[in-house]
């Protein structure tokens, strides 16, 4: 179907063509990534492939001190919580953020993160918390701590264990997802909090997708929205900074970087199916409410 943007950099610059929609699902995206326009495009393209029409509204962290983009530009293109706090949305996506080396309380928008999570309880149907936001949400919702990794978890990882009875895992028998992070939540799958379950796990990367038992909160530890070249761009960026970094696992053809080789997107089908299942949860709940 079709994904439209109600605001954002791509919308403001008319770089994302909106179409006529019929009863679209309203999705709020709290974009915490520094590459704002690129992240907008990733989610718009991903949700442009699902079966429902969706309408994305982009939110920014009002309390954040921006380094890579001017506050005036973000304010012009994005909404702040106080501008939409009286509205309701079918879904909320909270993106990752490059702050996983900081303690949660040291992130300058941590109080705002907690405020939006609490606000969403009454104003949002379903929430996806992605990458750092999954760690932050698990800490906010269950008190689960995080820890730093000896080296960056970087590459494409496949689920080895799947909870097949969950509607969120339908069609995800071969689930793959990009990971790009320096920390992980401290999760003991044998002793989970009462209202939390692990749906997809990788032997290399740990839990990939978790969900609260009321099915309102989904925690995706990676970046399912990443496009084909994203990990390559991150790898070359880190090399240019002389950062000690290994090549992303299970990503490049033949296992190593070769500028002439074409990269295959092996996770796109999994990503589309995951978000399709998530939107199905929204529409199913809406039918129940009706």
C-alpha atoms as a PDB file:
ATOM      1  CA  UNK A   1       0.000   0.000   0.000  1.00  0.00           C
ATOM      2  CA  UNK A   2       1.240   3.543   0.653  1.00  0.00           C
ATOM      3  CA  UNK A   3       3.109   5.452   3.346  1.00  0.00           C
ATOM      4  CA  UNK A   4       2.683   9.215   3.561  1.00  0.00           C
ATOM      5  CA  UNK A   5       4.557  11.780   5.646  1.00  0.00           C
ATOM      6  CA  UNK A   6       2.627  14.576   7.349  1.00  0.00           C
ATOM      7  CA  UNK A   7       5.861  16.414   8.191  1.00  0.00           C
ATOM      8  CA  UNK A   8       9.630  15.883   8.292  1.00  0.00           C
ATOM      9  CA  UNK A   9      12.565  16.969   6.156  1.00  0.00           C
ATOM     10  CA  UNK A  10      11.547  14.891   3.130  1.00  0.00           C
ATOM     11  CA  UNK A  11       8.008  16.272   3.310  1.00  0.00           C
ATOM     12  CA  UNK A  12       9.217  19.856   3.702  1.00  0.00           C
ATOM     13  CA  UNK A  13      11.586  19.531   0.722  1.00  0.00           C
ATOM     14  CA  UNK A  14       8.919  17.652  -1.285  1.00  0.00           C
ATOM     15  CA  UNK A  15      11.284  14.705  -1.690  1.00  0.00           C
ATOM     16  CA  UNK A  16       8.689  12.131  -0.627  1.00  0.00           C
ATOM     17  CA  UNK A  17       5.556  12.142  -2.831  1.00  0.00           C
ATOM     18  CA  UNK A  18       2.373  11.726  -0.801  1.00  0.00           C
ATOM     19  CA  UNK A  19      -0.568   9.848  -2.282  1.00  0.00           C
ATOM     20  CA  UNK A  20      -4.302   9.815  -1.670  1.00  0.00           C
ATOM     21  CA  UNK A  21      -4.953   7.478   1.276  1.00  0.00           C
ATOM     22  CA  UNK A  22      -8.093   5.819   2.599  1.00  0.00           C
ATOM     23  CA  UNK A  23      -8.396   5.447   6.377  1.00  0.00           C
ATOM     24  CA  UNK A  24      -4.623   5.251   6.993  1.00  0.00           C
ATOM     25  CA  UNK A  25      -3.169   4.048  10.261  1.00  0.00           C
ATOM     26  CA  UNK A  26      -1.642   6.991  12.093  1.00  0.00           C
ATOM     27  CA  UNK A  27       1.928   6.249  13.168  1.00  0.00           C
ATOM     28  CA  UNK A  28       4.043   8.593  15.268  1.00  0.00           C
ATOM     29  CA  UNK A  29       7.828   8.238  14.778  1.00  0.00           C
ATOM     30  CA  UNK A  30      10.079   9.715  17.460  1.00  0.00           C
ATOM     31  CA  UNK A  31      13.230  10.124  15.389  1.00  0.00           C
ATOM     32  CA  UNK A  32      16.259  10.160  17.696  1.00  0.00           C
ATOM     33  CA  UNK A  33      18.815   9.379  14.987  1.00  0.00           C
ATOM     34  CA  UNK A  34      21.246  12.156  13.970  1.00  0.00           C
ATOM     35  CA  UNK A  35      20.670  11.370  10.284  1.00  0.00           C
ATOM     36  CA  UNK A  36      17.096  12.657  10.373  1.00  0.00           C
ATOM     37  CA  UNK A  37      16.193  12.650   6.660  1.00  0.00           C
ATOM     38  CA  UNK A  38      17.846   9.295   6.043  1.00  0.00           C
ATOM     39  CA  UNK A  39      15.938   7.699   8.921  1.00  0.00           C
ATOM     40  CA  UNK A  40      12.689   9.200   7.644  1.00  0.00           C
ATOM     41  CA  UNK A  41      13.346   7.608   4.250  1.00  0.00           C
ATOM     42  CA  UNK A  42      14.150   4.239   5.821  1.00  0.00           C
ATOM     43  CA  UNK A  43      10.850   4.021   7.688  1.00  0.00           C
ATOM     44  CA  UNK A  44       8.803   5.484   4.843  1.00  0.00           C
ATOM     45  CA  UNK A  45      10.227   2.985   2.374  1.00  0.00           C
ATOM     46  CA  UNK A  46       9.787   0.102   4.790  1.00  0.00           C
ATOM     47  CA  UNK A  47       6.168   0.955   5.584  1.00  0.00           C
ATOM     48  CA  UNK A  48       5.470   1.667   1.930  1.00  0.00           C
ATOM     49  CA  UNK A  49       5.644  -2.115   1.421  1.00  0.00           C
ATOM     50  CA  UNK A  50       2.999  -3.212   3.946  1.00  0.00           C
ATOM     51  CA  UNK A  51      -0.646  -4.048   3.222  1.00  0.00           C
ATOM     52  CA  UNK A  52      -2.140  -1.024   5.022  1.00  0.00           C
ATOM     53  CA  UNK A  53      -2.007   2.657   4.186  1.00  0.00           C
ATOM     54  CA  UNK A  54      -0.045   4.486   6.869  1.00  0.00           C
ATOM     55  CA  UNK A  55       0.517   8.124   7.707  1.00  0.00           C
ATOM     56  CA  UNK A  56       3.743   9.024   9.523  1.00  0.00           C
ATOM     57  CA  UNK A  57       4.166  12.026  11.796  1.00  0.00           C
ATOM     58  CA  UNK A  58       7.726  12.728  12.943  1.00  0.00           C
ATOM     59  CA  UNK A  59       8.510  13.856  16.468  1.00  0.00           C
ATOM     60  CA  UNK A  60      11.757  15.317  17.810  1.00  0.00           C
ATOM     61  CA  UNK A  61      13.347  15.451  21.254  1.00  0.00           C
ATOM     62  CA  UNK A  62      12.684  19.001  22.401  1.00  0.00           C
ATOM     63  CA  UNK A  63      15.185  18.734  25.258  1.00  0.00           C
ATOM     64  CA  UNK A  64      18.059  17.487  23.062  1.00  0.00           C
ATOM     65  CA  UNK A  65      21.131  19.583  22.244  1.00  0.00           C
ATOM     66  CA  UNK A  66      21.586  18.966  18.513  1.00  0.00           C
ATOM     67  CA  UNK A  67      25.086  18.602  17.054  1.00  0.00           C
ATOM     68  CA  UNK A  68      24.549  17.486  13.451  1.00  0.00           C
ATOM     69  CA  UNK A  69      21.524  19.601  12.496  1.00  0.00           C
ATOM     70  CA  UNK A  70      20.243  23.058  13.364  1.00  0.00           C
ATOM     71  CA  UNK A  71      17.487  23.162  15.988  1.00  0.00           C
ATOM     72  CA  UNK A  72      15.623  25.737  13.877  1.00  0.00           C
ATOM     73  CA  UNK A  73      15.472  23.304  10.961  1.00  0.00           C
ATOM     74  CA  UNK A  74      14.240  20.430  13.121  1.00  0.00           C
ATOM     75  CA  UNK A  75      11.646  22.634  14.798  1.00  0.00           C
ATOM     76  CA  UNK A  76      10.386  23.770  11.391  1.00  0.00           C
ATOM     77  CA  UNK A  77      10.001  20.231  10.024  1.00  0.00           C
ATOM     78  CA  UNK A  78       9.102  18.170  13.119  1.00  0.00           C
ATOM     79  CA  UNK A  79       6.502  18.201  15.880  1.00  0.00           C
ATOM     80  CA  UNK A  80       7.221  18.452  19.595  1.00  0.00           C
ATOM     81  CA  UNK A  81       5.209  16.524  22.162  1.00  0.00           C
ATOM     82  CA  UNK A  82       3.242  19.530  23.389  1.00  0.00           C
ATOM     83  CA  UNK A  83       1.967  20.068  19.817  1.00  0.00           C
ATOM     84  CA  UNK A  84       0.425  16.593  19.503  1.00  0.00           C
ATOM     85  CA  UNK A  85      -0.179  15.562  23.119  1.00  0.00           C
ATOM     86  CA  UNK A  86      -3.982  15.842  22.747  1.00  0.00           C
ATOM     87  CA  UNK A  87      -3.992  13.523  19.724  1.00  0.00           C
ATOM     88  CA  UNK A  88      -4.137   9.733  19.572  1.00  0.00           C
ATOM     89  CA  UNK A  89      -2.107   7.496  17.285  1.00  0.00           C
ATOM     90  CA  UNK A  90      -2.474   3.891  16.217  1.00  0.00           C
ATOM     91  CA  UNK A  91       1.219   3.231  16.676  1.00  0.00           C
ATOM     92  CA  UNK A  92       4.449   4.751  17.948  1.00  0.00           C
ATOM     93  CA  UNK A  93       7.965   3.945  16.713  1.00  0.00           C
ATOM     94  CA  UNK A  94      10.867   5.143  18.853  1.00  0.00           C
ATOM     95  CA  UNK A  95      14.082   4.889  16.865  1.00  0.00           C
ATOM     96  CA  UNK A  96      17.574   4.020  17.961  1.00  0.00           C
ATOM     97  CA  UNK A  97      20.089   6.668  19.011  1.00  0.00           C
ATOM     98  CA  UNK A  98      23.919   6.751  19.178  1.00  0.00           C
ATOM     99  CA  UNK A  99      23.968   7.165  22.964  1.00  0.00           C
ATOM    100  CA  UNK A 100      24.302   3.563  24.145  1.00  0.00           C
ATOM    101  CA  UNK A 101      27.664   4.278  25.820  1.00  0.00           C
ATOM    102  CA  UNK A 102      25.945   6.718  28.191  1.00  0.00           C
ATOM    103  CA  UNK A 103      24.010   5.796  31.298  1.00  0.00           C
ATOM    104  CA  UNK A 104      20.294   6.211  30.648  1.00  0.00           C
ATOM    105  CA  UNK A 105      19.944   9.085  33.117  1.00  0.00           C
ATOM    106  CA  UNK A 106      22.884  10.895  31.494  1.00  0.00           C
ATOM    107  CA  UNK A 107      21.127  11.181  28.126  1.00  0.00           C
ATOM    108  CA  UNK A 108      19.925  14.784  27.883  1.00  0.00           C
ATOM    109  CA  UNK A 109      16.407  13.777  26.817  1.00  0.00           C
ATOM    110  CA  UNK A 110      15.970  10.926  29.316  1.00  0.00           C
ATOM    111  CA  UNK A 111      13.206  12.697  31.256  1.00  0.00           C
ATOM    112  CA  UNK A 112      11.455  13.400  27.964  1.00  0.00           C
ATOM    113  CA  UNK A 113      11.833   9.731  27.005  1.00  0.00           C
ATOM    114  CA  UNK A 114      10.051   8.724  30.221  1.00  0.00           C
ATOM    115  CA  UNK A 115       7.401  11.401  29.657  1.00  0.00           C
ATOM    116  CA  UNK A 116       6.635  10.175  26.139  1.00  0.00           C
ATOM    117  CA  UNK A 117       6.551   6.541  27.254  1.00  0.00           C
ATOM    118  CA  UNK A 118       4.033   7.447  29.967  1.00  0.00           C
ATOM    119  CA  UNK A 119       2.021   9.646  27.579  1.00  0.00           C
ATOM    120  CA  UNK A 120       1.855   6.811  25.052  1.00  0.00           C
ATOM    121  CA  UNK A 121       0.067   4.555  27.545  1.00  0.00           C
ATOM    122  CA  UNK A 122      -3.155   6.504  26.949  1.00  0.00           C
ATOM    123  CA  UNK A 123      -2.577   7.976  23.507  1.00  0.00           C
ATOM    124  CA  UNK A 124      -1.011   5.154  21.455  1.00  0.00           C
ATOM    125  CA  UNK A 125      -2.194   1.662  20.536  1.00  0.00           C
ATOM    126  CA  UNK A 126       1.086  -0.193  19.871  1.00  0.00           C
ATOM    127  CA  UNK A 127       4.724   0.837  20.375  1.00  0.00           C
ATOM    128  CA  UNK A 128       7.932  -0.413  18.752  1.00  0.00           C
ATOM    129  CA  UNK A 129      11.101   0.470  20.645  1.00  0.00           C
ATOM    130  CA  UNK A 130      14.138  -0.004  18.373  1.00  0.00           C
ATOM    131  CA  UNK A 131      17.835  -0.564  19.188  1.00  0.00           C
ATOM    132  CA  UNK A 132      18.908   1.884  21.959  1.00  0.00           C
ATOM    133  CA  UNK A 133      15.252   2.710  22.584  1.00  0.00           C
ATOM    134  CA  UNK A 134      14.586  -0.997  23.163  1.00  0.00           C
ATOM    135  CA  UNK A 135      17.248  -1.007  25.873  1.00  0.00           C
ATOM    136  CA  UNK A 136      15.915   2.247  27.319  1.00  0.00           C
ATOM    137  CA  UNK A 137      12.319   0.994  27.245  1.00  0.00           C
ATOM    138  CA  UNK A 138      13.251  -2.307  28.911  1.00  0.00           C
ATOM    139  CA  UNK A 139      14.919  -0.264  31.647  1.00  0.00           C
ATOM    140  CA  UNK A 140      11.934   2.082  31.944  1.00  0.00           C
ATOM    141  CA  UNK A 141       9.318  -0.689  31.810  1.00  0.00           C
ATOM    142  CA  UNK A 142      11.053  -3.477  33.758  1.00  0.00           C
ATOM    143  CA  UNK A 143      14.176  -2.023  35.362  1.00  0.00           C
ATOM    144  CA  UNK A 144      16.438  -4.140  33.108  1.00  0.00           C
ATOM    145  CA  UNK A 145      19.987  -2.772  33.111  1.00  0.00           C
ATOM    146  CA  UNK A 146      22.345  -2.624  30.141  1.00  0.00           C
ATOM    147  CA  UNK A 147      26.059  -3.311  29.835  1.00  0.00           C
ATOM    148  CA  UNK A 148      28.762  -2.323  27.385  1.00  0.00           C
ATOM    149  CA  UNK A 149      30.140  -4.796  24.854  1.00  0.00           C
ATOM    150  CA  UNK A 150      33.853  -5.488  24.393  1.00  0.00           C
ATOM    151  CA  UNK A 151      33.403  -4.794  20.692  1.00  0.00           C
ATOM    152  CA  UNK A 152      30.577  -3.396  18.617  1.00  0.00           C
ATOM    153  CA  UNK A 153      27.864  -5.880  17.655  1.00  0.00           C
ATOM    154  CA  UNK A 154      27.835  -5.215  13.945  1.00  0.00           C
ATOM    155  CA  UNK A 155      26.317  -7.105  11.038  1.00  0.00           C
ATOM    156  CA  UNK A 156      23.323  -9.224  10.013  1.00  0.00           C
ATOM    157  CA  UNK A 157      22.149 -11.819  12.517  1.00  0.00           C
ATOM    158  CA  UNK A 158      19.636 -14.631  12.173  1.00  0.00           C
ATOM    159  CA  UNK A 159      17.205 -15.885  14.784  1.00  0.00           C
ATOM    160  CA  UNK A 160      17.914 -19.409  15.981  1.00  0.00           C
ATOM    161  CA  UNK A 161      14.993 -19.619  18.412  1.00  0.00           C
ATOM    162  CA  UNK A 162      11.455 -18.450  17.693  1.00  0.00           C
ATOM    163  CA  UNK A 163       8.242 -18.295  19.712  1.00  0.00           C
ATOM    164  CA  UNK A 164       6.035 -19.554  16.913  1.00  0.00           C
ATOM    165  CA  UNK A 165       2.715 -19.072  18.734  1.00  0.00           C
ATOM    166  CA  UNK A 166       2.995 -15.284  18.770  1.00  0.00           C
ATOM    167  CA  UNK A 167       1.167 -13.367  16.015  1.00  0.00           C
ATOM    168  CA  UNK A 168       4.194 -11.070  15.858  1.00  0.00           C
ATOM    169  CA  UNK A 169       6.421 -13.915  14.592  1.00  0.00           C
ATOM    170  CA  UNK A 170       4.125 -15.179  11.817  1.00  0.00           C
ATOM    171  CA  UNK A 171       6.203 -15.820   8.695  1.00  0.00           C
ATOM    172  CA  UNK A 172       9.498 -15.088  10.460  1.00  0.00           C
ATOM    173  CA  UNK A 173      10.985 -18.578  10.462  1.00  0.00           C
ATOM    174  CA  UNK A 174      14.117 -17.196   8.747  1.00  0.00           C
ATOM    175  CA  UNK A 175      14.232 -13.855  10.529  1.00  0.00           C
ATOM    176  CA  UNK A 176      17.358 -11.753   9.912  1.00  0.00           C
ATOM    177  CA  UNK A 177      18.083  -8.252  11.147  1.00  0.00           C
ATOM    178  CA  UNK A 178      20.903  -5.693  11.136  1.00  0.00           C
ATOM    179  CA  UNK A 179      22.622  -4.943  14.450  1.00  0.00           C
ATOM    180  CA  UNK A 180      24.866  -1.953  15.127  1.00  0.00           C
ATOM    181  CA  UNK A 181      25.379  -1.269  18.832  1.00  0.00           C
ATOM    182  CA  UNK A 182      27.929  -1.021  21.631  1.00  0.00           C
ATOM    183  CA  UNK A 183      25.752  -2.309  24.469  1.00  0.00           C
ATOM    184  CA  UNK A 184      23.083  -4.871  25.316  1.00  0.00           C
ATOM    185  CA  UNK A 185      20.328  -5.340  27.848  1.00  0.00           C
ATOM    186  CA  UNK A 186      21.190  -7.739  30.667  1.00  0.00           C
ATOM    187  CA  UNK A 187      18.556 -10.397  29.992  1.00  0.00           C
ATOM    188  CA  UNK A 188      18.339 -13.820  31.587  1.00  0.00           C
ATOM    189  CA  UNK A 189      15.833 -15.653  29.389  1.00  0.00           C
ATOM    190  CA  UNK A 190      15.287 -18.248  32.109  1.00  0.00           C
ATOM    191  CA  UNK A 191      14.238 -15.578  34.616  1.00  0.00           C
ATOM    192  CA  UNK A 192      12.345 -12.917  32.714  1.00  0.00           C
ATOM    193  CA  UNK A 193      10.095 -10.316  34.334  1.00  0.00           C
ATOM    194  CA  UNK A 194       6.547 -11.598  34.643  1.00  0.00           C
ATOM    195  CA  UNK A 195       5.107  -9.435  31.858  1.00  0.00           C
ATOM    196  CA  UNK A 196       7.898  -9.931  29.297  1.00  0.00           C
ATOM    197  CA  UNK A 197       8.625 -12.625  26.730  1.00  0.00           C
ATOM    198  CA  UNK A 198      11.404 -13.171  24.191  1.00  0.00           C
ATOM    199  CA  UNK A 199      10.049 -13.936  20.729  1.00  0.00           C
ATOM    200  CA  UNK A 200      13.187 -14.191  18.593  1.00  0.00           C
ATOM    201  CA  UNK A 201      16.732 -14.965  19.746  1.00  0.00           C
ATOM    202  CA  UNK A 202      20.101 -15.243  18.019  1.00  0.00           C
ATOM    203  CA  UNK A 203      22.899 -17.397  19.432  1.00  0.00           C
ATOM    204  CA  UNK A 204      25.352 -14.679  18.360  1.00  0.00           C
ATOM    205  CA  UNK A 205      23.409 -11.492  19.132  1.00  0.00           C
ATOM    206  CA  UNK A 206      21.055 -12.530  21.951  1.00  0.00           C
ATOM    207  CA  UNK A 207      17.369 -11.535  22.035  1.00  0.00           C
ATOM    208  CA  UNK A 208      16.292  -9.865  18.797  1.00  0.00           C
ATOM    209  CA  UNK A 209      12.602  -9.202  19.466  1.00  0.00           C
ATOM    210  CA  UNK A 210      10.785  -9.110  22.805  1.00  0.00           C
ATOM    211  CA  UNK A 211       7.216  -8.195  23.700  1.00  0.00           C
ATOM    212  CA  UNK A 212       5.188  -7.359  26.753  1.00  0.00           C
ATOM    213  CA  UNK A 213       2.492  -9.927  27.465  1.00  0.00           C
ATOM    214  CA  UNK A 214      -0.235  -7.335  26.938  1.00  0.00           C
ATOM    215  CA  UNK A 215       1.274  -7.039  23.419  1.00  0.00           C
ATOM    216  CA  UNK A 216       1.364  -3.223  23.548  1.00  0.00           C
ATOM    217  CA  UNK A 217       5.155  -2.929  23.750  1.00  0.00           C
ATOM    218  CA  UNK A 218       7.553  -4.482  21.236  1.00  0.00           C
ATOM    219  CA  UNK A 219      11.310  -4.294  21.735  1.00  0.00           C
ATOM    220  CA  UNK A 220      13.469  -4.731  18.606  1.00  0.00           C
ATOM    221  CA  UNK A 221      17.144  -4.793  19.560  1.00  0.00           C
ATOM    222  CA  UNK A 222      18.421  -4.054  16.039  1.00  0.00           C
ATOM    223  CA  UNK A 223      17.659  -1.840  13.042  1.00  0.00           C
ATOM    224  CA  UNK A 224      15.129  -3.630  10.858  1.00  0.00           C
ATOM    225  CA  UNK A 225      14.615  -0.371   8.957  1.00  0.00           C
ATOM    226  CA  UNK A 226      18.205  -0.263   7.654  1.00  0.00           C
ATOM    227  CA  UNK A 227      18.586  -0.119   3.883  1.00  0.00           C
ATOM    228  CA  UNK A 228      20.994  -2.182   1.792  1.00  0.00           C
ATOM    229  CA  UNK A 229      23.960   0.200   2.029  1.00  0.00           C
ATOM    230  CA  UNK A 230      23.515   1.456   5.609  1.00  0.00           C
ATOM    231  CA  UNK A 231      25.955  -0.893   7.346  1.00  0.00           C
ATOM    232  CA  UNK A 232      28.502  -0.296   4.589  1.00  0.00           C
ATOM    233  CA  UNK A 233      28.185   3.464   5.107  1.00  0.00           C
ATOM    234  CA  UNK A 234      28.648   3.044   8.863  1.00  0.00           C
ATOM    235  CA  UNK A 235      31.664   0.796   8.344  1.00  0.00           C
ATOM    236  CA  UNK A 236      33.398   3.224   5.983  1.00  0.00           C
ATOM    237  CA  UNK A 237      32.533   6.149   8.277  1.00  0.00           C
ATOM    238  CA  UNK A 238      34.195   4.395  11.219  1.00  0.00           C
ATOM    239  CA  UNK A 239      37.250   3.518   9.119  1.00  0.00           C
ATOM    240  CA  UNK A 240      37.588   7.167   8.113  1.00  0.00           C
ATOM    241  CA  UNK A 241      37.606   8.095  11.800  1.00  0.00           C
ATOM    242  CA  UNK A 242      40.349   5.477  12.398  1.00  0.00           C
ATOM    243  CA  UNK A 243      37.998   3.657  14.740  1.00  0.00           C
ATOM    244  CA  UNK A 244      38.925   0.055  15.515  1.00  0.00           C
ATOM    245  CA  UNK A 245      36.051  -1.784  13.864  1.00  0.00           C
ATOM    246  CA  UNK A 246      35.576  -5.235  12.329  1.00  0.00           C
ATOM    247  CA  UNK A 247      33.673  -5.757   9.103  1.00  0.00           C
ATOM    248  CA  UNK A 248      29.927  -6.295   9.605  1.00  0.00           C
ATOM    249  CA  UNK A 249      29.262 -10.013   9.960  1.00  0.00           C
ATOM    250  CA  UNK A 250      27.191 -11.907   7.400  1.00  0.00           C
ATOM    251  CA  UNK A 251      26.885  -8.768   5.272  1.00  0.00           C
ATOM    252  CA  UNK A 252      29.474  -8.481   2.521  1.00  0.00           C
ATOM    253  CA  UNK A 253      29.660 -11.073  -0.283  1.00  0.00           C
ATOM    254  CA  UNK A 254      32.312 -13.662   0.537  1.00  0.00           C
ATOM    255  CA  UNK A 255      32.515 -12.193   4.035  1.00  0.00           C
ATOM    256  CA  UNK A 256      34.829  -9.261   3.361  1.00  0.00           C
ATOM    257  CA  UNK A 257      34.637  -5.691   2.098  1.00  0.00           C
ATOM    258  CA  UNK A 258      35.114  -5.297  -1.644  1.00  0.00           C
ATOM    259  CA  UNK A 259      34.073  -2.006  -3.178  1.00  0.00           C
ATOM    260  CA  UNK A 260      33.215  -3.695  -6.454  1.00  0.00           C
ATOM    261  CA  UNK A 261      30.859  -6.301  -4.970  1.00  0.00           C
ATOM    262  CA  UNK A 262      27.105  -5.724  -4.891  1.00  0.00           C
ATOM    263  CA  UNK A 263      25.589  -6.206  -1.431  1.00  0.00           C
ATOM    264  CA  UNK A 264      22.473  -8.373  -1.178  1.00  0.00           C
ATOM    265  CA  UNK A 265      19.721  -7.250   1.155  1.00  0.00           C
ATOM    266  CA  UNK A 266      19.029 -10.515   2.975  1.00  0.00           C
ATOM    267  CA  UNK A 267      16.874  -8.987   5.742  1.00  0.00           C
ATOM    268  CA  UNK A 268      14.325  -6.911   3.815  1.00  0.00           C
ATOM    269  CA  UNK A 269      11.679  -9.634   3.721  1.00  0.00           C
ATOM    270  CA  UNK A 270      12.051 -10.206   7.468  1.00  0.00           C
ATOM    271  CA  UNK A 271      11.782  -6.475   8.161  1.00  0.00           C
ATOM    272  CA  UNK A 272       8.647  -6.039   6.075  1.00  0.00           C
ATOM    273  CA  UNK A 273       7.015  -9.097   7.657  1.00  0.00           C
ATOM    274  CA  UNK A 274       7.861  -7.928  11.191  1.00  0.00           C
ATOM    275  CA  UNK A 275       6.289  -4.513  10.639  1.00  0.00           C
ATOM    276  CA  UNK A 276       3.349  -6.080   8.799  1.00  0.00           C
ATOM    277  CA  UNK A 277       2.712  -8.299  11.825  1.00  0.00           C
ATOM    278  CA  UNK A 278       2.982  -5.276  14.109  1.00  0.00           C
ATOM    279  CA  UNK A 279       0.441  -3.333  12.061  1.00  0.00           C
ATOM    280  CA  UNK A 280      -1.815  -6.405  12.083  1.00  0.00           C
ATOM    281  CA  UNK A 281      -1.763  -6.226  15.885  1.00  0.00           C
ATOM    282  CA  UNK A 282      -3.004  -2.646  15.609  1.00  0.00           C
ATOM    283  CA  UNK A 283      -5.856  -3.443  13.231  1.00  0.00           C
ATOM    284  CA  UNK A 284      -6.853  -6.530  15.230  1.00  0.00           C
ATOM    285  CA  UNK A 285      -7.040  -4.484  18.422  1.00  0.00           C
ATOM    286  CA  UNK A 286      -9.060  -1.804  16.655  1.00  0.00           C
ATOM    287  CA  UNK A 287     -11.601  -4.414  15.516  1.00  0.00           C
ATOM    288  CA  UNK A 288     -11.863  -5.671  19.092  1.00  0.00           C
ATOM    289  CA  UNK A 289     -12.372  -2.123  20.377  1.00  0.00           C
ATOM    290  CA  UNK A 290     -15.033  -1.478  17.721  1.00  0.00           C
END
